[in-house]
Amino acid sequence: HYFIQSNLRAMSALGVEHHMFVQTLAARRIVSEKEAVELITKCIELSDVSYPTVELPDHITKINSKLSDLFLEIRKGTCEHTATKYYCFVNNQEDEISKLCSNYSPQDFAYFRSHYM
């Protein structure tokens, strides 16, 4: 109960524009970088706040600083076929329950860790 309340308080430190962005990304699951820029721009416009410039990485960093307590992170990946960049949520907790939610085997995780981490 305390964990949920403290995380809700942490998320409340974000602006309305960030909440809208998080909710929309969660609903869509994955968006291209172009869509993410359009999305944060629209969220800022609808929330009636202003920024000198709209820098997507700055907003992602701010959101991620609050999501980390929930073991979530918004990450950017690149399609190896088209080079298109995409954003999605990633669970960054490595526990047995999280591993059950994956299509990868323990051997796949070991391979990824040994080659990419």
PDB file of N, CA and C in Angstrom:
ATOM      1  N   HIS A   1       0.829  -1.196   0.000  1.00  0.00           N
ATOM      2  CA  HIS A   1       0.000   0.000   0.000  1.00  0.00           C
ATOM      3  C   HIS A   1       0.874   1.262   0.000  1.00  0.00           C
ATOM      4  N   TYR A   2       1.899   1.292   0.868  1.00  0.00           N
ATOM      5  CA  TYR A   2       2.795   2.443   0.923  1.00  0.00           C
ATOM      6  C   TYR A   2       3.536   2.609  -0.393  1.00  0.00           C
ATOM      7  N   PHE A   3       3.977   1.467  -0.981  1.00  0.00           N
ATOM      8  CA  PHE A   3       4.723   1.510  -2.233  1.00  0.00           C
ATOM      9  C   PHE A   3       3.899   2.185  -3.322  1.00  0.00           C
ATOM     10  N   ILE A   4       2.641   1.832  -3.432  1.00  0.00           N
ATOM     11  CA  ILE A   4       1.769   2.407  -4.451  1.00  0.00           C
ATOM     12  C   ILE A   4       1.558   3.894  -4.194  1.00  0.00           C
ATOM     13  N   GLN A   5       1.295   4.262  -2.947  1.00  0.00           N
ATOM     14  CA  GLN A   5       1.069   5.674  -2.627  1.00  0.00           C
ATOM     15  C   GLN A   5       2.306   6.513  -2.916  1.00  0.00           C
ATOM     16  N   SER A   6       3.486   6.033  -2.538  1.00  0.00           N
ATOM     17  CA  SER A   6       4.698   6.819  -2.759  1.00  0.00           C
ATOM     18  C   SER A   6       4.982   6.952  -4.247  1.00  0.00           C
ATOM     19  N   ASN A   7       4.700   5.922  -5.044  1.00  0.00           N
ATOM     20  CA  ASN A   7       4.916   6.009  -6.476  1.00  0.00           C
ATOM     21  C   ASN A   7       3.899   6.919  -7.140  1.00  0.00           C
ATOM     22  N   LEU A   8       2.678   6.929  -6.662  1.00  0.00           N
ATOM     23  CA  LEU A   8       1.692   7.857  -7.196  1.00  0.00           C
ATOM     24  C   LEU A   8       2.094   9.288  -6.891  1.00  0.00           C
ATOM     25  N   ARG A   9       2.649   9.521  -5.703  1.00  0.00           N
ATOM     26  CA  ARG A   9       3.136  10.861  -5.366  1.00  0.00           C
ATOM     27  C   ARG A   9       4.282  11.259  -6.282  1.00  0.00           C
ATOM     28  N   ALA A  10       5.182  10.323  -6.552  1.00  0.00           N
ATOM     29  CA  ALA A  10       6.314  10.615  -7.436  1.00  0.00           C
ATOM     30  C   ALA A  10       5.818  10.960  -8.840  1.00  0.00           C
ATOM     31  N   MET A  11       4.851  10.200  -9.350  1.00  0.00           N
ATOM     32  CA  MET A  11       4.307  10.466 -10.680  1.00  0.00           C
ATOM     33  C   MET A  11       3.560  11.795 -10.699  1.00  0.00           C
ATOM     34  N   SER A  12       3.007  12.204  -9.559  1.00  0.00           N
ATOM     35  CA  SER A  12       2.274  13.469  -9.534  1.00  0.00           C
ATOM     36  C   SER A  12       3.216  14.659  -9.701  1.00  0.00           C
ATOM     37  N   ALA A  13       4.523  14.459  -9.534  1.00  0.00           N
ATOM     38  CA  ALA A  13       5.477  15.540  -9.749  1.00  0.00           C
ATOM     39  C   ALA A  13       5.638  15.862 -11.232  1.00  0.00           C
ATOM     40  N   LEU A  14       5.135  14.992 -12.101  1.00  0.00           N
ATOM     41  CA  LEU A  14       5.175  15.252 -13.533  1.00  0.00           C
ATOM     42  C   LEU A  14       4.029  16.170 -13.915  1.00  0.00           C
ATOM     43  N   GLY A  15       4.199  16.856 -15.029  1.00  0.00           N
ATOM     44  CA  GLY A  15       3.137  17.725 -15.516  1.00  0.00           C
ATOM     45  C   GLY A  15       2.043  16.942 -16.219  1.00  0.00           C
ATOM     46  N   VAL A  16       0.937  17.605 -16.447  1.00  0.00           N
ATOM     47  CA  VAL A  16      -0.191  16.993 -17.139  1.00  0.00           C
ATOM     48  C   VAL A  16       0.251  16.476 -18.508  1.00  0.00           C
ATOM     49  N   GLU A  17       1.114  17.232 -19.184  1.00  0.00           N
ATOM     50  CA  GLU A  17       1.583  16.825 -20.508  1.00  0.00           C
ATOM     51  C   GLU A  17       2.318  15.480 -20.459  1.00  0.00           C
ATOM     52  N   HIS A  18       3.050  15.246 -19.361  1.00  0.00           N
ATOM     53  CA  HIS A  18       3.774  13.980 -19.208  1.00  0.00           C
ATOM     54  C   HIS A  18       2.811  12.828 -18.925  1.00  0.00           C
ATOM     55  N   HIS A  19       1.809  13.091 -18.101  1.00  0.00           N
ATOM     56  CA  HIS A  19       0.802  12.068 -17.820  1.00  0.00           C
ATOM     57  C   HIS A  19       0.075  11.659 -19.105  1.00  0.00           C
ATOM     58  N   MET A  20      -0.286  12.644 -19.915  1.00  0.00           N
ATOM     59  CA  MET A  20      -0.961  12.335 -21.180  1.00  0.00           C
ATOM     60  C   MET A  20      -0.053  11.510 -22.090  1.00  0.00           C
ATOM     61  N   PHE A  21       1.216  11.869 -22.131  1.00  0.00           N
ATOM     62  CA  PHE A  21       2.167  11.138 -22.968  1.00  0.00           C
ATOM     63  C   PHE A  21       2.287   9.685 -22.500  1.00  0.00           C
ATOM     64  N   VAL A  22       2.438   9.484 -21.184  1.00  0.00           N
ATOM     65  CA  VAL A  22       2.567   8.135 -20.621  1.00  0.00           C
ATOM     66  C   VAL A  22       1.314   7.309 -20.910  1.00  0.00           C
ATOM     67  N   GLN A  23       0.146   7.895 -20.703  1.00  0.00           N
ATOM     68  CA  GLN A  23      -1.103   7.165 -20.938  1.00  0.00           C
ATOM     69  C   GLN A  23      -1.269   6.789 -22.404  1.00  0.00           C
ATOM     70  N   THR A  24      -0.917   7.698 -23.289  1.00  0.00           N
ATOM     71  CA  THR A  24      -1.053   7.408 -24.720  1.00  0.00           C
ATOM     72  C   THR A  24      -0.047   6.355 -25.162  1.00  0.00           C
ATOM     73  N   LEU A  25       1.188   6.452 -24.676  1.00  0.00           N
ATOM     74  CA  LEU A  25       2.191   5.447 -25.017  1.00  0.00           C
ATOM     75  C   LEU A  25       1.775   4.075 -24.490  1.00  0.00           C
ATOM     76  N   ALA A  26       1.225   4.040 -23.292  1.00  0.00           N
ATOM     77  CA  ALA A  26       0.763   2.768 -22.729  1.00  0.00           C
ATOM     78  C   ALA A  26      -0.353   2.170 -23.586  1.00  0.00           C
ATOM     79  N   ALA A  27      -1.236   3.011 -24.085  1.00  0.00           N
ATOM     80  CA  ALA A  27      -2.341   2.527 -24.917  1.00  0.00           C
ATOM     81  C   ALA A  27      -1.853   2.034 -26.279  1.00  0.00           C
ATOM     82  N   ARG A  28      -0.875   2.716 -26.833  1.00  0.00           N
ATOM     83  CA  ARG A  28      -0.372   2.352 -28.165  1.00  0.00           C
ATOM     84  C   ARG A  28       0.718   1.282 -28.116  1.00  0.00           C
ATOM     85  N   ARG A  29       1.361   1.141 -26.976  1.00  0.00           N
ATOM     86  CA  ARG A  29       2.436   0.168 -26.730  1.00  0.00           C
ATOM     87  C   ARG A  29       3.761   0.524 -27.381  1.00  0.00           C
ATOM     88  N   ILE A  30       3.751   0.999 -28.602  1.00  0.00           N
ATOM     89  CA  ILE A  30       4.990   1.371 -29.291  1.00  0.00           C
ATOM     90  C   ILE A  30       4.669   2.485 -30.273  1.00  0.00           C
ATOM     91  N   VAL A  31       5.564   3.482 -30.346  1.00  0.00           N
ATOM     92  CA  VAL A  31       5.380   4.589 -31.295  1.00  0.00           C
ATOM     93  C   VAL A  31       6.724   4.890 -31.941  1.00  0.00           C
ATOM     94  N   SER A  32       6.661   5.345 -33.173  1.00  0.00           N
ATOM     95  CA  SER A  32       7.893   5.753 -33.850  1.00  0.00           C
ATOM     96  C   SER A  32       8.400   7.048 -33.215  1.00  0.00           C
ATOM     97  N   GLU A  33       9.642   7.370 -33.469  1.00  0.00           N
ATOM     98  CA  GLU A  33      10.195   8.611 -32.928  1.00  0.00           C
ATOM     99  C   GLU A  33       9.411   9.812 -33.445  1.00  0.00           C
ATOM    100  N   LYS A  34       9.047   9.769 -34.716  1.00  0.00           N
ATOM    101  CA  LYS A  34       8.250  10.858 -35.303  1.00  0.00           C
ATOM    102  C   LYS A  34       6.919  10.991 -34.564  1.00  0.00           C
ATOM    103  N   GLU A  35       6.251   9.855 -34.321  1.00  0.00           N
ATOM    104  CA  GLU A  35       4.977   9.881 -33.596  1.00  0.00           C
ATOM    105  C   GLU A  35       5.172  10.368 -32.164  1.00  0.00           C
ATOM    106  N   ALA A  36       6.276   9.987 -31.531  1.00  0.00           N
ATOM    107  CA  ALA A  36       6.545  10.408 -30.155  1.00  0.00           C
ATOM    108  C   ALA A  36       6.730  11.922 -30.075  1.00  0.00           C
ATOM    109  N   VAL A  37       7.452  12.490 -31.040  1.00  0.00           N
ATOM    110  CA  VAL A  37       7.632  13.952 -31.071  1.00  0.00           C
ATOM    111  C   VAL A  37       6.288  14.641 -31.277  1.00  0.00           C
ATOM    112  N   GLU A  38       5.485  14.127 -32.223  1.00  0.00           N
ATOM    113  CA  GLU A  38       4.154  14.700 -32.461  1.00  0.00           C
ATOM    114  C   GLU A  38       3.280  14.566 -31.219  1.00  0.00           C
ATOM    115  N   LEU A  39       3.398  13.431 -30.554  1.00  0.00           N
ATOM    116  CA  LEU A  39       2.590  13.167 -29.362  1.00  0.00           C
ATOM    117  C   LEU A  39       2.948  14.118 -28.218  1.00  0.00           C
ATOM    118  N   ILE A  40       4.240  14.259 -27.891  1.00  0.00           N
ATOM    119  CA  ILE A  40       4.611  15.149 -26.778  1.00  0.00           C
ATOM    120  C   ILE A  40       4.263  16.596 -27.138  1.00  0.00           C
ATOM    121  N   THR A  41       4.410  16.961 -28.409  1.00  0.00           N
ATOM    122  CA  THR A  41       4.049  18.315 -28.840  1.00  0.00           C
ATOM    123  C   THR A  41       2.553  18.560 -28.633  1.00  0.00           C
ATOM    124  N   LYS A  42       1.738  17.587 -29.013  1.00  0.00           N
ATOM    125  CA  LYS A  42       0.282  17.713 -28.843  1.00  0.00           C
ATOM    126  C   LYS A  42      -0.092  17.727 -27.357  1.00  0.00           C
ATOM    127  N   CYS A  43       0.566  16.899 -26.561  1.00  0.00           N
ATOM    128  CA  CYS A  43       0.285  16.862 -25.114  1.00  0.00           C
ATOM    129  C   CYS A  43       0.614  18.200 -24.462  1.00  0.00           C
ATOM    130  N   ILE A  44       1.715  18.800 -24.877  1.00  0.00           N
ATOM    131  CA  ILE A  44       2.098  20.122 -24.348  1.00  0.00           C
ATOM    132  C   ILE A  44       1.054  21.156 -24.755  1.00  0.00           C
ATOM    133  N   GLU A  45       0.653  21.111 -26.005  1.00  0.00           N
ATOM    134  CA  GLU A  45      -0.355  22.045 -26.510  1.00  0.00           C
ATOM    135  C   GLU A  45      -1.681  21.910 -25.747  1.00  0.00           C
ATOM    136  N   LEU A  46      -2.129  20.679 -25.534  1.00  0.00           N
ATOM    137  CA  LEU A  46      -3.401  20.445 -24.839  1.00  0.00           C
ATOM    138  C   LEU A  46      -3.338  20.785 -23.353  1.00  0.00           C
ATOM    139  N   SER A  47      -2.161  20.683 -22.756  1.00  0.00           N
ATOM    140  CA  SER A  47      -2.049  20.954 -21.324  1.00  0.00           C
ATOM    141  C   SER A  47      -1.835  22.432 -21.035  1.00  0.00           C
ATOM    142  N   ASP A  48      -1.721  23.220 -22.099  1.00  0.00           N
ATOM    143  CA  ASP A  48      -1.610  24.677 -21.959  1.00  0.00           C
ATOM    144  C   ASP A  48      -0.381  25.095 -21.154  1.00  0.00           C
ATOM    145  N   VAL A  49       0.731  24.406 -21.375  1.00  0.00           N
ATOM    146  CA  VAL A  49       2.015  24.822 -20.807  1.00  0.00           C
ATOM    147  C   VAL A  49       2.913  25.186 -21.971  1.00  0.00           C
ATOM    148  N   SER A  50       4.022  25.820 -21.682  1.00  0.00           N
ATOM    149  CA  SER A  50       4.923  26.170 -22.781  1.00  0.00           C
ATOM    150  C   SER A  50       6.360  25.837 -22.411  1.00  0.00           C
ATOM    151  N   TYR A  51       7.099  25.462 -23.405  1.00  0.00           N
ATOM    152  CA  TYR A  51       8.527  25.195 -23.291  1.00  0.00           C
ATOM    153  C   TYR A  51       9.195  25.984 -24.406  1.00  0.00           C
ATOM    154  N   PRO A  52      10.409  26.469 -24.178  1.00  0.00           N
ATOM    155  CA  PRO A  52      11.087  27.218 -25.248  1.00  0.00           C
ATOM    156  C   PRO A  52      11.225  26.377 -26.527  1.00  0.00           C
ATOM    157  N   THR A  53      11.584  25.111 -26.359  1.00  0.00           N
ATOM    158  CA  THR A  53      11.643  24.161 -27.471  1.00  0.00           C
ATOM    159  C   THR A  53      11.144  22.818 -26.952  1.00  0.00           C
ATOM    160  N   VAL A  54      10.660  22.011 -27.861  1.00  0.00           N
ATOM    161  CA  VAL A  54      10.186  20.682 -27.483  1.00  0.00           C
ATOM    162  C   VAL A  54      11.306  19.695 -27.795  1.00  0.00           C
ATOM    163  N   GLU A  55      11.972  19.253 -26.761  1.00  0.00           N
ATOM    164  CA  GLU A  55      13.051  18.281 -26.909  1.00  0.00           C
ATOM    165  C   GLU A  55      12.584  16.963 -26.320  1.00  0.00           C
ATOM    166  N   LEU A  56      12.247  16.008 -27.177  1.00  0.00           N
ATOM    167  CA  LEU A  56      11.725  14.728 -26.721  1.00  0.00           C
ATOM    168  C   LEU A  56      12.638  14.051 -25.701  1.00  0.00           C
ATOM    169  N   PRO A  57      13.952  13.972 -25.930  1.00  0.00           N
ATOM    170  CA  PRO A  57      14.811  13.298 -24.936  1.00  0.00           C
ATOM    171  C   PRO A  57      14.718  13.896 -23.533  1.00  0.00           C
ATOM    172  N   ASP A  58      14.540  15.209 -23.434  1.00  0.00           N
ATOM    173  CA  ASP A  58      14.406  15.850 -22.119  1.00  0.00           C
ATOM    174  C   ASP A  58      13.136  15.385 -21.413  1.00  0.00           C
ATOM    175  N   HIS A  59      12.050  15.281 -22.161  1.00  0.00           N
ATOM    176  CA  HIS A  59      10.782  14.834 -21.574  1.00  0.00           C
ATOM    177  C   HIS A  59      10.855  13.357 -21.191  1.00  0.00           C
ATOM    178  N   ILE A  60      11.476  12.542 -22.030  1.00  0.00           N
ATOM    179  CA  ILE A  60      11.625  11.117 -21.729  1.00  0.00           C
ATOM    180  C   ILE A  60      12.466  10.942 -20.470  1.00  0.00           C
ATOM    181  N   THR A  61      13.544  11.699 -20.339  1.00  0.00           N
ATOM    182  CA  THR A  61      14.403  11.627 -19.151  1.00  0.00           C
ATOM    183  C   THR A  61      13.620  11.987 -17.900  1.00  0.00           C
ATOM    184  N   LYS A  62      12.827  13.044 -17.972  1.00  0.00           N
ATOM    185  CA  LYS A  62      12.026  13.461 -16.815  1.00  0.00           C
ATOM    186  C   LYS A  62      11.008  12.387 -16.440  1.00  0.00           C
ATOM    187  N   ILE A  63      10.326  11.832 -17.441  1.00  0.00           N
ATOM    188  CA  ILE A  63       9.336  10.781 -17.180  1.00  0.00           C
ATOM    189  C   ILE A  63      10.029   9.551 -16.601  1.00  0.00           C
ATOM    190  N   ASN A  64      11.150   9.149 -17.200  1.00  0.00           N
ATOM    191  CA  ASN A  64      11.869   7.966 -16.721  1.00  0.00           C
ATOM    192  C   ASN A  64      12.350   8.118 -15.279  1.00  0.00           C
ATOM    193  N   SER A  65      12.677   9.330 -14.874  1.00  0.00           N
ATOM    194  CA  SER A  65      13.128   9.535 -13.487  1.00  0.00           C
ATOM    195  C   SER A  65      12.024   9.190 -12.493  1.00  0.00           C
ATOM    196  N   LYS A  66      10.781   9.331 -12.912  1.00  0.00           N
ATOM    197  CA  LYS A  66       9.650   8.996 -12.036  1.00  0.00           C
ATOM    198  C   LYS A  66       9.198   7.555 -12.213  1.00  0.00           C
ATOM    199  N   LEU A  67       9.373   6.994 -13.410  1.00  0.00           N
ATOM    200  CA  LEU A  67       8.957   5.615 -13.676  1.00  0.00           C
ATOM    201  C   LEU A  67       9.909   4.584 -13.067  1.00  0.00           C
ATOM    202  N   SER A  68      11.131   4.995 -12.774  1.00  0.00           N
ATOM    203  CA  SER A  68      12.134   4.031 -12.298  1.00  0.00           C
ATOM    204  C   SER A  68      11.705   3.333 -11.010  1.00  0.00           C
ATOM    205  N   ASP A  69      10.965   4.008 -10.154  1.00  0.00           N
ATOM    206  CA  ASP A  69      10.479   3.374  -8.920  1.00  0.00           C
ATOM    207  C   ASP A  69       9.465   2.269  -9.209  1.00  0.00           C
ATOM    208  N   LEU A  70       8.884   2.299 -10.396  1.00  0.00           N
ATOM    209  CA  LEU A  70       7.917   1.284 -10.805  1.00  0.00           C
ATOM    210  C   LEU A  70       8.592   0.187 -11.631  1.00  0.00           C
ATOM    211  N   PHE A  71       9.913   0.266 -11.737  1.00  0.00           N
ATOM    212  CA  PHE A  71      10.709  -0.680 -12.528  1.00  0.00           C
ATOM    213  C   PHE A  71      10.329  -0.634 -14.004  1.00  0.00           C
ATOM    214  N   LEU A  72       9.946   0.547 -14.463  1.00  0.00           N
ATOM    215  CA  LEU A  72       9.626   0.764 -15.866  1.00  0.00           C
ATOM    216  C   LEU A  72      10.514   1.862 -16.418  1.00  0.00           C
ATOM    217  N   GLU A  73      10.666   1.834 -17.729  1.00  0.00           N
ATOM    218  CA  GLU A  73      11.458   2.851 -18.393  1.00  0.00           C
ATOM    219  C   GLU A  73      10.958   2.963 -19.827  1.00  0.00           C
ATOM    220  N   ILE A  74      10.975   4.164 -20.366  1.00  0.00           N
ATOM    221  CA  ILE A  74      10.694   4.352 -21.777  1.00  0.00           C
ATOM    222  C   ILE A  74      12.042   4.300 -22.480  1.00  0.00           C
ATOM    223  N   ARG A  75      12.150   3.394 -23.443  1.00  0.00           N
ATOM    224  CA  ARG A  75      13.413   3.254 -24.170  1.00  0.00           C
ATOM    225  C   ARG A  75      13.199   3.415 -25.657  1.00  0.00           C
ATOM    226  N   LYS A  76      14.288   3.827 -26.300  1.00  0.00           N
ATOM    227  CA  LYS A  76      14.283   3.964 -27.750  1.00  0.00           C
ATOM    228  C   LYS A  76      15.039   2.792 -28.348  1.00  0.00           C
ATOM    229  N   GLY A  77      14.451   2.216 -29.383  1.00  0.00           N
ATOM    230  CA  GLY A  77      15.101   1.140 -30.117  1.00  0.00           C
ATOM    231  C   GLY A  77      15.050   1.446 -31.596  1.00  0.00           C
ATOM    232  N   THR A  78      15.884   0.762 -32.355  1.00  0.00           N
ATOM    233  CA  THR A  78      15.960   0.985 -33.792  1.00  0.00           C
ATOM    234  C   THR A  78      15.661  -0.304 -34.534  1.00  0.00           C
ATOM    235  N   CYS A  79      14.775  -0.237 -35.508  1.00  0.00           N
ATOM    236  CA  CYS A  79      14.466  -1.384 -36.356  1.00  0.00           C
ATOM    237  C   CYS A  79      15.684  -1.659 -37.226  1.00  0.00           C
ATOM    238  N   GLU A  80      16.172  -2.875 -37.188  1.00  0.00           N
ATOM    239  CA  GLU A  80      17.386  -3.186 -37.943  1.00  0.00           C
ATOM    240  C   GLU A  80      17.134  -3.267 -39.448  1.00  0.00           C
ATOM    241  N   HIS A  81      15.896  -3.364 -39.867  1.00  0.00           N
ATOM    242  CA  HIS A  81      15.584  -3.432 -41.299  1.00  0.00           C
ATOM    243  C   HIS A  81      15.353  -2.060 -41.915  1.00  0.00           C
ATOM    244  N   THR A  82      14.679  -1.187 -41.179  1.00  0.00           N
ATOM    245  CA  THR A  82      14.312   0.122 -41.739  1.00  0.00           C
ATOM    246  C   THR A  82      15.066   1.285 -41.108  1.00  0.00           C
ATOM    247  N   ALA A  83      15.757   1.028 -40.009  1.00  0.00           N
ATOM    248  CA  ALA A  83      16.471   2.064 -39.233  1.00  0.00           C
ATOM    249  C   ALA A  83      15.511   3.060 -38.578  1.00  0.00           C
ATOM    250  N   THR A  84      14.213   2.751 -38.575  1.00  0.00           N
ATOM    251  CA  THR A  84      13.233   3.602 -37.906  1.00  0.00           C
ATOM    252  C   THR A  84      13.411   3.460 -36.399  1.00  0.00           C
ATOM    253  N   LYS A  85      13.372   4.573 -35.699  1.00  0.00           N
ATOM    254  CA  LYS A  85      13.507   4.560 -34.243  1.00  0.00           C
ATOM    255  C   LYS A  85      12.119   4.504 -33.614  1.00  0.00           C
ATOM    256  N   TYR A  86      12.000   3.707 -32.549  1.00  0.00           N
ATOM    257  CA  TYR A  86      10.731   3.510 -31.852  1.00  0.00           C
ATOM    258  C   TYR A  86      10.915   3.699 -30.355  1.00  0.00           C
ATOM    259  N   TYR A  87       9.831   4.082 -29.679  1.00  0.00           N
ATOM    260  CA  TYR A  87       9.807   4.191 -28.224  1.00  0.00           C
ATOM    261  C   TYR A  87       8.762   3.232 -27.672  1.00  0.00           C
ATOM    262  N   CYS A  88       9.079   2.608 -26.537  1.00  0.00           N
ATOM    263  CA  CYS A  88       8.127   1.737 -25.853  1.00  0.00           C
ATOM    264  C   CYS A  88       8.524   1.631 -24.376  1.00  0.00           C
ATOM    265  N   PHE A  89       7.624   1.054 -23.577  1.00  0.00           N
ATOM    266  CA  PHE A  89       7.921   0.794 -22.172  1.00  0.00           C
ATOM    267  C   PHE A  89       8.725  -0.490 -22.060  1.00  0.00           C
ATOM    268  N   VAL A  90       9.664  -0.496 -21.131  1.00  0.00           N
ATOM    269  CA  VAL A  90      10.478  -1.675 -20.863  1.00  0.00           C
ATOM    270  C   VAL A  90      10.462  -1.929 -19.364  1.00  0.00           C
ATOM    271  N   ASN A  91      10.250  -3.175 -18.983  1.00  0.00           N
ATOM    272  CA  ASN A  91      10.352  -3.570 -17.580  1.00  0.00           C
ATOM    273  C   ASN A  91      11.839  -3.759 -17.299  1.00  0.00           C
ATOM    274  N   ASN A  92      12.395  -3.014 -16.365  1.00  0.00           N
ATOM    275  CA  ASN A  92      13.820  -3.134 -16.089  1.00  0.00           C
ATOM    276  C   ASN A  92      14.122  -3.882 -14.791  1.00  0.00           C
ATOM    277  N   GLN A  93      13.167  -4.659 -14.336  1.00  0.00           N
ATOM    278  CA  GLN A  93      13.386  -5.476 -13.150  1.00  0.00           C
ATOM    279  C   GLN A  93      13.673  -6.906 -13.602  1.00  0.00           C
ATOM    280  N   GLU A  94      14.761  -7.461 -13.104  1.00  0.00           N
ATOM    281  CA  GLU A  94      15.131  -8.825 -13.473  1.00  0.00           C
ATOM    282  C   GLU A  94      14.825  -9.770 -12.325  1.00  0.00           C
ATOM    283  N   ASP A  95      13.570 -10.164 -12.213  1.00  0.00           N
ATOM    284  CA  ASP A  95      13.204 -11.149 -11.202  1.00  0.00           C
ATOM    285  C   ASP A  95      12.499 -12.313 -11.891  1.00  0.00           C
ATOM    286  N   GLU A  96      12.214 -13.338 -11.145  1.00  0.00           N
ATOM    287  CA  GLU A  96      11.625 -14.547 -11.736  1.00  0.00           C
ATOM    288  C   GLU A  96      10.239 -14.285 -12.326  1.00  0.00           C
ATOM    289  N   ILE A  97       9.452 -13.434 -11.679  1.00  0.00           N
ATOM    290  CA  ILE A  97       8.114 -13.129 -12.188  1.00  0.00           C
ATOM    291  C   ILE A  97       8.209 -12.390 -13.523  1.00  0.00           C
ATOM    292  N   SER A  98       9.125 -11.430 -13.618  1.00  0.00           N
ATOM    293  CA  SER A  98       9.305 -10.696 -14.863  1.00  0.00           C
ATOM    294  C   SER A  98       9.729 -11.627 -15.988  1.00  0.00           C
ATOM    295  N   LYS A  99      10.578 -12.584 -15.663  1.00  0.00           N
ATOM    296  CA  LYS A  99      11.047 -13.522 -16.682  1.00  0.00           C
ATOM    297  C   LYS A  99       9.913 -14.403 -17.194  1.00  0.00           C
ATOM    298  N   LEU A 100       8.910 -14.663 -16.367  1.00  0.00           N
ATOM    299  CA  LEU A 100       7.779 -15.475 -16.791  1.00  0.00           C
ATOM    300  C   LEU A 100       6.921 -14.754 -17.834  1.00  0.00           C
ATOM    301  N   CYS A 101       7.011 -13.424 -17.869  1.00  0.00           N
ATOM    302  CA  CYS A 101       6.202 -12.620 -18.788  1.00  0.00           C
ATOM    303  C   CYS A 101       6.875 -12.467 -20.147  1.00  0.00           C
ATOM    304  N   SER A 102       7.883 -13.240 -20.421  1.00  0.00           N
ATOM    305  CA  SER A 102       8.644 -13.098 -21.647  1.00  0.00           C
ATOM    306  C   SER A 102       8.554 -14.356 -22.497  1.00  0.00           C
ATOM    307  N   ASN A 103       8.758 -14.176 -23.773  1.00  0.00           N
ATOM    308  CA  ASN A 103       8.824 -15.317 -24.692  1.00  0.00           C
ATOM    309  C   ASN A 103      10.237 -15.882 -24.786  1.00  0.00           C
ATOM    310  N   TYR A 104      11.200 -15.253 -24.096  1.00  0.00           N
ATOM    311  CA  TYR A 104      12.583 -15.687 -24.163  1.00  0.00           C
ATOM    312  C   TYR A 104      12.883 -16.729 -23.100  1.00  0.00           C
ATOM    313  N   SER A 105      13.743 -17.666 -23.444  1.00  0.00           N
ATOM    314  CA  SER A 105      14.152 -18.706 -22.497  1.00  0.00           C
ATOM    315  C   SER A 105      15.283 -18.172 -21.620  1.00  0.00           C
ATOM    316  N   PRO A 106      15.584 -18.842 -20.509  1.00  0.00           N
ATOM    317  CA  PRO A 106      16.724 -18.426 -19.681  1.00  0.00           C
ATOM    318  C   PRO A 106      18.037 -18.411 -20.472  1.00  0.00           C
ATOM    319  N   GLN A 107      18.173 -19.309 -21.440  1.00  0.00           N
ATOM    320  CA  GLN A 107      19.377 -19.337 -22.274  1.00  0.00           C
ATOM    321  C   GLN A 107      19.449 -18.090 -23.162  1.00  0.00           C
ATOM    322  N   ASP A 108      18.292 -17.642 -23.658  1.00  0.00           N
ATOM    323  CA  ASP A 108      18.255 -16.418 -24.452  1.00  0.00           C
ATOM    324  C   ASP A 108      18.705 -15.225 -23.621  1.00  0.00           C
ATOM    325  N   PHE A 109      18.201 -15.131 -22.370  1.00  0.00           N
ATOM    326  CA  PHE A 109      18.612 -14.036 -21.485  1.00  0.00           C
ATOM    327  C   PHE A 109      20.118 -14.081 -21.229  1.00  0.00           C
ATOM    328  N   ALA A 110      20.644 -15.267 -20.992  1.00  0.00           N
ATOM    329  CA  ALA A 110      22.082 -15.410 -20.739  1.00  0.00           C
ATOM    330  C   ALA A 110      22.877 -14.946 -21.956  1.00  0.00           C
ATOM    331  N   TYR A 111      22.417 -15.320 -23.133  1.00  0.00           N
ATOM    332  CA  TYR A 111      23.090 -14.900 -24.366  1.00  0.00           C
ATOM    333  C   TYR A 111      23.081 -13.378 -24.499  1.00  0.00           C
ATOM    334  N   PHE A 112      21.898 -12.762 -24.309  1.00  0.00           N
ATOM    335  CA  PHE A 112      21.791 -11.310 -24.412  1.00  0.00           C
ATOM    336  C   PHE A 112      22.708 -10.611 -23.413  1.00  0.00           C
ATOM    337  N   ARG A 113      22.705 -11.113 -22.174  1.00  0.00           N
ATOM    338  CA  ARG A 113      23.559 -10.499 -21.143  1.00  0.00           C
ATOM    339  C   ARG A 113      25.032 -10.593 -21.517  1.00  0.00           C
ATOM    340  N   SER A 114      25.444 -11.752 -22.009  1.00  0.00           N
ATOM    341  CA  SER A 114      26.866 -11.943 -22.312  1.00  0.00           C
ATOM    342  C   SER A 114      27.315 -11.131 -23.520  1.00  0.00           C
ATOM    343  N   HIS A 115      26.411 -10.838 -24.428  1.00  0.00           N
ATOM    344  CA  HIS A 115      26.797 -10.139 -25.647  1.00  0.00           C
ATOM    345  C   HIS A 115      26.449  -8.653 -25.685  1.00  0.00           C
ATOM    346  N   TYR A 116      25.468  -8.254 -24.912  1.00  0.00           N
ATOM    347  CA  TYR A 116      24.984  -6.886 -25.035  1.00  0.00           C
ATOM    348  C   TYR A 116      25.028  -6.077 -23.753  1.00  0.00           C
ATOM    349  N   MET A 117      25.457  -6.640 -22.670  1.00  0.00           N
ATOM    350  CA  MET A 117      25.452  -5.879 -21.413  1.00  0.00           C
ATOM    351  C   MET A 117      26.846  -5.757 -20.861  1.00  0.00           C
TER     352      MET A 117
END
